[in-house]
Amino acid sequence: MRLEDALFNWVQIRLVADARQEDGAARDTLAFFEEILQEDHGLSSFEIERADETMLYVRYVKDGRALLKLYPREAGEQLLHDINATPKYNEA
């Protein structure tokens, strides 16, 4: 999996896991993508640094270099919106 794809997938599931803290599948998936970023791509850290009305700012460190990647906020939040709109994922 390319770094860009893994990082974007991590952003999406990070937002889901943060919003749905009781969701064990989201936590497991988050751990999976964190492992890919660390082991396959050599990232030593990664975080959603901030969000504004239109963008998500993702800071990560690769090979000792701090880098910043921007994602459209709407795209980053799409998975969370899709999950929240699906009744079977929202039953208590």
PDB file of N, CA and C in Angstrom:
ATOM      1  N   MET A   1       0.850  -1.173   0.000  1.00  0.00           N
ATOM      2  CA  MET A   1       0.000   0.000   0.000  1.00  0.00           C
ATOM      3  C   MET A   1       0.896   1.236   0.000  1.00  0.00           C
ATOM      4  N   ARG A   2       0.580   2.167  -0.866  1.00  0.00           N
ATOM      5  CA  ARG A   2       1.352   3.411  -0.941  1.00  0.00           C
ATOM      6  C   ARG A   2       1.193   4.221   0.346  1.00  0.00           C
ATOM      7  N   LEU A   3       2.208   5.012   0.661  1.00  0.00           N
ATOM      8  CA  LEU A   3       2.171   5.847   1.864  1.00  0.00           C
ATOM      9  C   LEU A   3       0.957   6.770   1.855  1.00  0.00           C
ATOM     10  N   GLU A   4       0.693   7.418   0.737  1.00  0.00           N
ATOM     11  CA  GLU A   4      -0.443   8.353   0.670  1.00  0.00           C
ATOM     12  C   GLU A   4      -1.757   7.655   0.997  1.00  0.00           C
ATOM     13  N   ASP A   5      -1.927   6.442   0.475  1.00  0.00           N
ATOM     14  CA  ASP A   5      -3.163   5.689   0.733  1.00  0.00           C
ATOM     15  C   ASP A   5      -3.255   5.273   2.200  1.00  0.00           C
ATOM     16  N   ALA A   6      -2.158   4.771   2.732  1.00  0.00           N
ATOM     17  CA  ALA A   6      -2.157   4.335   4.134  1.00  0.00           C
ATOM     18  C   ALA A   6      -2.407   5.518   5.067  1.00  0.00           C
ATOM     19  N   LEU A   7      -1.804   6.655   4.779  1.00  0.00           N
ATOM     20  CA  LEU A   7      -1.979   7.828   5.634  1.00  0.00           C
ATOM     21  C   LEU A   7      -3.420   8.341   5.566  1.00  0.00           C
ATOM     22  N   PHE A   8      -4.006   8.370   4.378  1.00  0.00           N
ATOM     23  CA  PHE A   8      -5.391   8.815   4.249  1.00  0.00           C
ATOM     24  C   PHE A   8      -6.342   7.852   4.957  1.00  0.00           C
ATOM     25  N   ASN A   9      -6.109   6.543   4.794  1.00  0.00           N
ATOM     26  CA  ASN A   9      -6.938   5.558   5.492  1.00  0.00           C
ATOM     27  C   ASN A   9      -6.807   5.725   7.005  1.00  0.00           C
ATOM     28  N   TRP A  10      -5.594   5.993   7.481  1.00  0.00           N
ATOM     29  CA  TRP A  10      -5.393   6.222   8.906  1.00  0.00           C
ATOM     30  C   TRP A  10      -6.165   7.458   9.372  1.00  0.00           C
ATOM     31  N   VAL A  11      -6.127   8.531   8.583  1.00  0.00           N
ATOM     32  CA  VAL A  11      -6.864   9.748   8.943  1.00  0.00           C
ATOM     33  C   VAL A  11      -8.343   9.433   9.090  1.00  0.00           C
ATOM     34  N   GLN A  12      -8.905   8.740   8.114  1.00  0.00           N
ATOM     35  CA  GLN A  12     -10.333   8.427   8.173  1.00  0.00           C
ATOM     36  C   GLN A  12     -10.678   7.590   9.402  1.00  0.00           C
ATOM     37  N   ILE A  13      -9.911   6.548   9.668  1.00  0.00           N
ATOM     38  CA  ILE A  13     -10.257   5.668  10.794  1.00  0.00           C
ATOM     39  C   ILE A  13      -9.914   6.338  12.127  1.00  0.00           C
ATOM     40  N   ARG A  14      -8.941   7.231  12.154  1.00  0.00           N
ATOM     41  CA  ARG A  14      -8.648   7.998  13.373  1.00  0.00           C
ATOM     42  C   ARG A  14      -9.865   8.843  13.753  1.00  0.00           C
ATOM     43  N   LEU A  15     -10.465   9.492  12.772  1.00  0.00           N
ATOM     44  CA  LEU A  15     -11.658  10.304  13.026  1.00  0.00           C
ATOM     45  C   LEU A  15     -12.819   9.433  13.502  1.00  0.00           C
ATOM     46  N   VAL A  16     -12.962   8.249  12.922  1.00  0.00           N
ATOM     47  CA  VAL A  16     -14.021   7.327  13.349  1.00  0.00           C
ATOM     48  C   VAL A  16     -13.759   6.856  14.775  1.00  0.00           C
ATOM     49  N   ALA A  17     -12.542   6.428  15.062  1.00  0.00           N
ATOM     50  CA  ALA A  17     -12.209   5.921  16.398  1.00  0.00           C
ATOM     51  C   ALA A  17     -12.364   7.003  17.465  1.00  0.00           C
ATOM     52  N   ASP A  18     -12.021   8.237  17.134  1.00  0.00           N
ATOM     53  CA  ASP A  18     -12.185   9.339  18.088  1.00  0.00           C
ATOM     54  C   ASP A  18     -13.659   9.618  18.362  1.00  0.00           C
ATOM     55  N   ALA A  19     -14.478   9.552  17.329  1.00  0.00           N
ATOM     56  CA  ALA A  19     -15.899   9.858  17.479  1.00  0.00           C
ATOM     57  C   ALA A  19     -16.692   8.698  18.073  1.00  0.00           C
ATOM     58  N   ARG A  20     -16.203   7.478  17.894  1.00  0.00           N
ATOM     59  CA  ARG A  20     -16.926   6.274  18.316  1.00  0.00           C
ATOM     60  C   ARG A  20     -16.013   5.453  19.243  1.00  0.00           C
ATOM     61  N   GLN A  21     -15.720   5.992  20.394  1.00  0.00           N
ATOM     62  CA  GLN A  21     -14.735   5.384  21.285  1.00  0.00           C
ATOM     63  C   GLN A  21     -15.111   3.986  21.753  1.00  0.00           C
ATOM     64  N   GLU A  22     -16.379   3.636  21.708  1.00  0.00           N
ATOM     65  CA  GLU A  22     -16.824   2.307  22.119  1.00  0.00           C
ATOM     66  C   GLU A  22     -16.710   1.285  20.985  1.00  0.00           C
ATOM     67  N   ASP A  23     -16.303   1.718  19.806  1.00  0.00           N
ATOM     68  CA  ASP A  23     -16.261   0.877  18.615  1.00  0.00           C
ATOM     69  C   ASP A  23     -14.947   0.101  18.554  1.00  0.00           C
ATOM     70  N   GLY A  24     -15.002  -1.155  18.963  1.00  0.00           N
ATOM     71  CA  GLY A  24     -13.804  -1.994  18.981  1.00  0.00           C
ATOM     72  C   GLY A  24     -13.228  -2.232  17.593  1.00  0.00           C
ATOM     73  N   ALA A  25     -14.081  -2.380  16.594  1.00  0.00           N
ATOM     74  CA  ALA A  25     -13.603  -2.588  15.225  1.00  0.00           C
ATOM     75  C   ALA A  25     -12.828  -1.371  14.734  1.00  0.00           C
ATOM     76  N   ALA A  26     -13.292  -0.192  15.088  1.00  0.00           N
ATOM     77  CA  ALA A  26     -12.575   1.029  14.697  1.00  0.00           C
ATOM     78  C   ALA A  26     -11.207   1.079  15.363  1.00  0.00           C
ATOM     79  N   ARG A  27     -11.135   0.721  16.633  1.00  0.00           N
ATOM     80  CA  ARG A  27      -9.835   0.717  17.338  1.00  0.00           C
ATOM     81  C   ARG A  27      -8.884  -0.307  16.721  1.00  0.00           C
ATOM     82  N   ASP A  28      -9.407  -1.486  16.382  1.00  0.00           N
ATOM     83  CA  ASP A  28      -8.572  -2.515  15.755  1.00  0.00           C
ATOM     84  C   ASP A  28      -8.059  -2.064  14.390  1.00  0.00           C
ATOM     85  N   THR A  29      -8.929  -1.446  13.619  1.00  0.00           N
ATOM     86  CA  THR A  29      -8.542  -0.958  12.299  1.00  0.00           C
ATOM     87  C   THR A  29      -7.526   0.174  12.417  1.00  0.00           C
ATOM     88  N   LEU A  30      -7.711   1.028  13.389  1.00  0.00           N
ATOM     89  CA  LEU A  30      -6.751   2.100  13.637  1.00  0.00           C
ATOM     90  C   LEU A  30      -5.373   1.516  13.942  1.00  0.00           C
ATOM     91  N   ALA A  31      -5.326   0.518  14.802  1.00  0.00           N
ATOM     92  CA  ALA A  31      -4.052  -0.127  15.146  1.00  0.00           C
ATOM     93  C   ALA A  31      -3.406  -0.757  13.902  1.00  0.00           C
ATOM     94  N   PHE A  32      -4.219  -1.339  13.030  1.00  0.00           N
ATOM     95  CA  PHE A  32      -3.726  -1.935  11.793  1.00  0.00           C
ATOM     96  C   PHE A  32      -3.035  -0.893  10.923  1.00  0.00           C
ATOM     97  N   PHE A  33      -3.673   0.258  10.719  1.00  0.00           N
ATOM     98  CA  PHE A  33      -3.065   1.285   9.882  1.00  0.00           C
ATOM     99  C   PHE A  33      -1.868   1.943  10.556  1.00  0.00           C
ATOM    100  N   GLU A  34      -1.881   2.055  11.879  1.00  0.00           N
ATOM    101  CA  GLU A  34      -0.710   2.573  12.581  1.00  0.00           C
ATOM    102  C   GLU A  34       0.487   1.648  12.380  1.00  0.00           C
ATOM    103  N   GLU A  35       0.232   0.346  12.413  1.00  0.00           N
ATOM    104  CA  GLU A  35       1.305  -0.625  12.180  1.00  0.00           C
ATOM    105  C   GLU A  35       1.863  -0.495  10.760  1.00  0.00           C
ATOM    106  N   ILE A  36       0.997  -0.332   9.779  1.00  0.00           N
ATOM    107  CA  ILE A  36       1.445  -0.153   8.395  1.00  0.00           C
ATOM    108  C   ILE A  36       2.306   1.100   8.272  1.00  0.00           C
ATOM    109  N   LEU A  37       1.855   2.202   8.859  1.00  0.00           N
ATOM    110  CA  LEU A  37       2.614   3.443   8.765  1.00  0.00           C
ATOM    111  C   LEU A  37       3.978   3.323   9.426  1.00  0.00           C
ATOM    112  N   GLN A  38       4.034   2.644  10.558  1.00  0.00           N
ATOM    113  CA  GLN A  38       5.299   2.507  11.271  1.00  0.00           C
ATOM    114  C   GLN A  38       6.211   1.477  10.608  1.00  0.00           C
ATOM    115  N   GLU A  39       5.694   0.281  10.363  1.00  0.00           N
ATOM    116  CA  GLU A  39       6.550  -0.810   9.902  1.00  0.00           C
ATOM    117  C   GLU A  39       6.822  -0.775   8.400  1.00  0.00           C
ATOM    118  N   ASP A  40       5.821  -0.490   7.594  1.00  0.00           N
ATOM    119  CA  ASP A  40       6.011  -0.516   6.143  1.00  0.00           C
ATOM    120  C   ASP A  40       6.577   0.791   5.596  1.00  0.00           C
ATOM    121  N   HIS A  41       6.247   1.902   6.245  1.00  0.00           N
ATOM    122  CA  HIS A  41       6.660   3.203   5.711  1.00  0.00           C
ATOM    123  C   HIS A  41       7.640   3.953   6.599  1.00  0.00           C
ATOM    124  N   GLY A  42       7.977   3.419   7.758  1.00  0.00           N
ATOM    125  CA  GLY A  42       9.003   3.999   8.605  1.00  0.00           C
ATOM    126  C   GLY A  42       8.648   5.321   9.253  1.00  0.00           C
ATOM    127  N   LEU A  43       7.356   5.568   9.459  1.00  0.00           N
ATOM    128  CA  LEU A  43       6.977   6.808  10.141  1.00  0.00           C
ATOM    129  C   LEU A  43       7.202   6.648  11.630  1.00  0.00           C
ATOM    130  N   SER A  44       7.830   7.643  12.238  1.00  0.00           N
ATOM    131  CA  SER A  44       8.072   7.568  13.676  1.00  0.00           C
ATOM    132  C   SER A  44       6.978   8.258  14.470  1.00  0.00           C
ATOM    133  N   SER A  45       6.238   9.145  13.827  1.00  0.00           N
ATOM    134  CA  SER A  45       5.075   9.755  14.471  1.00  0.00           C
ATOM    135  C   SER A  45       4.143  10.271  13.386  1.00  0.00           C
ATOM    136  N   PHE A  46       2.870  10.415  13.762  1.00  0.00           N
ATOM    137  CA  PHE A  46       1.864  10.946  12.849  1.00  0.00           C
ATOM    138  C   PHE A  46       0.668  11.359  13.681  1.00  0.00           C
ATOM    139  N   GLU A  47       0.098  12.491  13.317  1.00  0.00           N
ATOM    140  CA  GLU A  47      -1.042  13.009  14.067  1.00  0.00           C
ATOM    141  C   GLU A  47      -1.828  13.977  13.202  1.00  0.00           C
ATOM    142  N   ILE A  48      -3.107  14.093  13.500  1.00  0.00           N
ATOM    143  CA  ILE A  48      -3.904  15.150  12.905  1.00  0.00           C
ATOM    144  C   ILE A  48      -3.619  16.375  13.761  1.00  0.00           C
ATOM    145  N   GLU A  49      -2.831  17.263  13.219  1.00  0.00           N
ATOM    146  CA  GLU A  49      -2.348  18.427  13.975  1.00  0.00           C
ATOM    147  C   GLU A  49      -3.471  19.418  14.239  1.00  0.00           C
ATOM    148  N   ARG A  50      -4.278  19.644  13.227  1.00  0.00           N
ATOM    149  CA  ARG A  50      -5.410  20.552  13.389  1.00  0.00           C
ATOM    150  C   ARG A  50      -6.357  20.384  12.216  1.00  0.00           C
ATOM    151  N   ALA A  51      -7.519  20.953  12.373  1.00  0.00           N
ATOM    152  CA  ALA A  51      -8.524  20.965  11.313  1.00  0.00           C
ATOM    153  C   ALA A  51      -9.125  22.357  11.260  1.00  0.00           C
ATOM    154  N   ASP A  52      -9.381  22.826  10.064  1.00  0.00           N
ATOM    155  CA  ASP A  52     -10.141  24.055   9.926  1.00  0.00           C
ATOM    156  C   ASP A  52     -11.416  23.716   9.158  1.00  0.00           C
ATOM    157  N   GLU A  53     -12.098  24.692   8.669  1.00  0.00           N
ATOM    158  CA  GLU A  53     -13.390  24.426   8.027  1.00  0.00           C
ATOM    159  C   GLU A  53     -13.260  23.594   6.762  1.00  0.00           C
ATOM    160  N   THR A  54     -12.104  23.631   6.103  1.00  0.00           N
ATOM    161  CA  THR A  54     -11.972  22.936   4.830  1.00  0.00           C
ATOM    162  C   THR A  54     -10.882  21.871   4.777  1.00  0.00           C
ATOM    163  N   MET A  55      -9.912  21.924   5.686  1.00  0.00           N
ATOM    164  CA  MET A  55      -8.766  21.028   5.576  1.00  0.00           C
ATOM    165  C   MET A  55      -8.437  20.335   6.896  1.00  0.00           C
ATOM    166  N   LEU A  56      -7.812  19.143   6.754  1.00  0.00           N
ATOM    167  CA  LEU A  56      -7.201  18.425   7.879  1.00  0.00           C
ATOM    168  C   LEU A  56      -5.694  18.496   7.658  1.00  0.00           C
ATOM    169  N   TYR A  57      -4.959  18.869   8.701  1.00  0.00           N
ATOM    170  CA  TYR A  57      -3.510  19.026   8.628  1.00  0.00           C
ATOM    171  C   TYR A  57      -2.876  17.854   9.368  1.00  0.00           C
ATOM    172  N   VAL A  58      -2.179  17.017   8.628  1.00  0.00           N
ATOM    173  CA  VAL A  58      -1.577  15.813   9.198  1.00  0.00           C
ATOM    174  C   VAL A  58      -0.061  15.984   9.210  1.00  0.00           C
ATOM    175  N   ARG A  59       0.498  15.963  10.405  1.00  0.00           N
ATOM    176  CA  ARG A  59       1.943  16.093  10.594  1.00  0.00           C
ATOM    177  C   ARG A  59       2.498  14.690  10.830  1.00  0.00           C
ATOM    178  N   TYR A  60       3.584  14.367  10.114  1.00  0.00           N
ATOM    179  CA  TYR A  60       4.225  13.065  10.324  1.00  0.00           C
ATOM    180  C   TYR A  60       5.733  13.201  10.159  1.00  0.00           C
ATOM    181  N   VAL A  61       6.440  12.238  10.724  1.00  0.00           N
ATOM    182  CA  VAL A  61       7.900  12.249  10.662  1.00  0.00           C
ATOM    183  C   VAL A  61       8.360  10.976   9.954  1.00  0.00           C
ATOM    184  N   LYS A  62       9.110  11.177   8.874  1.00  0.00           N
ATOM    185  CA  LYS A  62       9.681  10.065   8.100  1.00  0.00           C
ATOM    186  C   LYS A  62      11.157  10.352   7.892  1.00  0.00           C
ATOM    187  N   ASP A  63      11.977   9.394   8.236  1.00  0.00           N
ATOM    188  CA  ASP A  63      13.429   9.528   8.080  1.00  0.00           C
ATOM    189  C   ASP A  63      13.958  10.785   8.760  1.00  0.00           C
ATOM    190  N   GLY A  64      13.391  11.093   9.927  1.00  0.00           N
ATOM    191  CA  GLY A  64      13.840  12.239  10.697  1.00  0.00           C
ATOM    192  C   GLY A  64      13.348  13.589  10.194  1.00  0.00           C
ATOM    193  N   ARG A  65      12.565  13.605   9.140  1.00  0.00           N
ATOM    194  CA  ARG A  65      12.044  14.845   8.573  1.00  0.00           C
ATOM    195  C   ARG A  65      10.574  15.009   8.923  1.00  0.00           C
ATOM    196  N   ALA A  66      10.226  16.155   9.468  1.00  0.00           N
ATOM    197  CA  ALA A  66       8.826  16.462   9.752  1.00  0.00           C
ATOM    198  C   ALA A  66       8.173  16.938   8.460  1.00  0.00           C
ATOM    199  N   LEU A  67       7.051  16.322   8.139  1.00  0.00           N
ATOM    200  CA  LEU A  67       6.330  16.647   6.913  1.00  0.00           C
ATOM    201  C   LEU A  67       4.879  16.959   7.252  1.00  0.00           C
ATOM    202  N   LEU A  68       4.236  17.693   6.369  1.00  0.00           N
ATOM    203  CA  LEU A  68       2.841  18.063   6.559  1.00  0.00           C
ATOM    204  C   LEU A  68       2.073  17.690   5.310  1.00  0.00           C
ATOM    205  N   LYS A  69       0.964  17.002   5.503  1.00  0.00           N
ATOM    206  CA  LYS A  69       0.076  16.621   4.400  1.00  0.00           C
ATOM    207  C   LYS A  69      -1.302  17.181   4.696  1.00  0.00           C
ATOM    208  N   LEU A  70      -1.921  17.812   3.707  1.00  0.00           N
ATOM    209  CA  LEU A  70      -3.264  18.362   3.863  1.00  0.00           C
ATOM    210  C   LEU A  70      -4.264  17.495   3.111  1.00  0.00           C
ATOM    211  N   TYR A  71      -5.398  17.278   3.760  1.00  0.00           N
ATOM    212  CA  TYR A  71      -6.490  16.535   3.137  1.00  0.00           C
ATOM    213  C   TYR A  71      -7.756  17.377   3.226  1.00  0.00           C
ATOM    214  N   PRO A  72      -8.588  17.328   2.194  1.00  0.00           N
ATOM    215  CA  PRO A  72      -9.885  17.999   2.308  1.00  0.00           C
ATOM    216  C   PRO A  72     -10.670  17.401   3.474  1.00  0.00           C
ATOM    217  N   ARG A  73     -11.183  18.257   4.317  1.00  0.00           N
ATOM    218  CA  ARG A  73     -11.890  17.786   5.511  1.00  0.00           C
ATOM    219  C   ARG A  73     -13.088  16.914   5.149  1.00  0.00           C
ATOM    220  N   GLU A  74     -13.815  17.296   4.119  1.00  0.00           N
ATOM    221  CA  GLU A  74     -14.988  16.535   3.705  1.00  0.00           C
ATOM    222  C   GLU A  74     -14.612  15.101   3.331  1.00  0.00           C
ATOM    223  N   ALA A  75     -13.511  14.919   2.615  1.00  0.00           N
ATOM    224  CA  ALA A  75     -13.066  13.579   2.237  1.00  0.00           C
ATOM    225  C   ALA A  75     -12.621  12.790   3.468  1.00  0.00           C
ATOM    226  N   GLY A  76     -11.908  13.426   4.360  1.00  0.00           N
ATOM    227  CA  GLY A  76     -11.438  12.756   5.563  1.00  0.00           C
ATOM    228  C   GLY A  76     -12.562  12.298   6.466  1.00  0.00           C
ATOM    229  N   GLU A  77     -13.643  13.056   6.498  1.00  0.00           N
ATOM    230  CA  GLU A  77     -14.773  12.733   7.377  1.00  0.00           C
ATOM    231  C   GLU A  77     -15.814  11.836   6.713  1.00  0.00           C
ATOM    232  N   GLN A  78     -15.630  11.485   5.446  1.00  0.00           N
ATOM    233  CA  GLN A  78     -16.650  10.735   4.717  1.00  0.00           C
ATOM    234  C   GLN A  78     -16.942   9.372   5.338  1.00  0.00           C
ATOM    235  N   LEU A  79     -15.915   8.652   5.757  1.00  0.00           N
ATOM    236  CA  LEU A  79     -16.145   7.336   6.359  1.00  0.00           C
ATOM    237  C   LEU A  79     -16.999   7.456   7.612  1.00  0.00           C
ATOM    238  N   LEU A  80     -16.709   8.416   8.460  1.00  0.00           N
ATOM    239  CA  LEU A  80     -17.505   8.624   9.672  1.00  0.00           C
ATOM    240  C   LEU A  80     -18.958   8.938   9.312  1.00  0.00           C
ATOM    241  N   HIS A  81     -19.165   9.798   8.327  1.00  0.00           N
ATOM    242  CA  HIS A  81     -20.535  10.119   7.903  1.00  0.00           C
ATOM    243  C   HIS A  81     -21.245   8.868   7.383  1.00  0.00           C
ATOM    244  N   ASP A  82     -20.538   8.057   6.596  1.00  0.00           N
ATOM    245  CA  ASP A  82     -21.141   6.838   6.047  1.00  0.00           C
ATOM    246  C   ASP A  82     -21.519   5.859   7.158  1.00  0.00           C
ATOM    247  N   ILE A  83     -20.644   5.691   8.132  1.00  0.00           N
ATOM    248  CA  ILE A  83     -20.937   4.786   9.251  1.00  0.00           C
ATOM    249  C   ILE A  83     -22.122   5.303  10.054  1.00  0.00           C
ATOM    250  N   ASN A  84     -22.119   6.584  10.344  1.00  0.00           N
ATOM    251  CA  ASN A  84     -23.207   7.157  11.134  1.00  0.00           C
ATOM    252  C   ASN A  84     -24.541   7.109  10.400  1.00  0.00           C
ATOM    253  N   ALA A  85     -24.516   7.068   9.077  1.00  0.00           N
ATOM    254  CA  ALA A  85     -25.746   7.033   8.287  1.00  0.00           C
ATOM    255  C   ALA A  85     -26.264   5.612   8.077  1.00  0.00           C
ATOM    256  N   THR A  86     -25.525   4.603   8.537  1.00  0.00           N
ATOM    257  CA  THR A  86     -25.922   3.206   8.351  1.00  0.00           C
ATOM    258  C   THR A  86     -26.493   2.679   9.663  1.00  0.00           C
ATOM    259  N   PRO A  87     -27.802   2.448   9.712  1.00  0.00           N
ATOM    260  CA  PRO A  87     -28.449   2.066  10.981  1.00  0.00           C
ATOM    261  C   PRO A  87     -27.824   0.853  11.674  1.00  0.00           C
ATOM    262  N   LYS A  88     -27.397  -0.172  10.940  1.00  0.00           N
ATOM    263  CA  LYS A  88     -26.873  -1.367  11.610  1.00  0.00           C
ATOM    264  C   LYS A  88     -25.600  -1.081  12.421  1.00  0.00           C
ATOM    265  N   TYR A  89     -24.890   0.002  12.108  1.00  0.00           N
ATOM    266  CA  TYR A  89     -23.686   0.358  12.863  1.00  0.00           C
ATOM    267  C   TYR A  89     -23.990   1.261  14.052  1.00  0.00           C
ATOM    268  N   ASN A  90     -25.242   1.593  14.235  1.00  0.00           N
ATOM    269  CA  ASN A  90     -25.604   2.540  15.265  1.00  0.00           C
ATOM    270  C   ASN A  90     -26.615   1.985  16.257  1.00  0.00           C
ATOM    271  N   GLU A  91     -26.769   0.677  16.278  1.00  0.00           N
ATOM    272  CA  GLU A  91     -27.682   0.047  17.229  1.00  0.00           C
ATOM    273  C   GLU A  91     -26.975  -0.104  18.570  1.00  0.00           C
ATOM    274  N   ALA A  92     -27.699   0.151  19.612  1.00  0.00           N
ATOM    275  CA  ALA A  92     -27.112   0.046  20.953  1.00  0.00           C
ATOM    276  C   ALA A  92     -27.141  -1.379  21.449  1.00  0.00           C
TER     277      ALA A  92
END
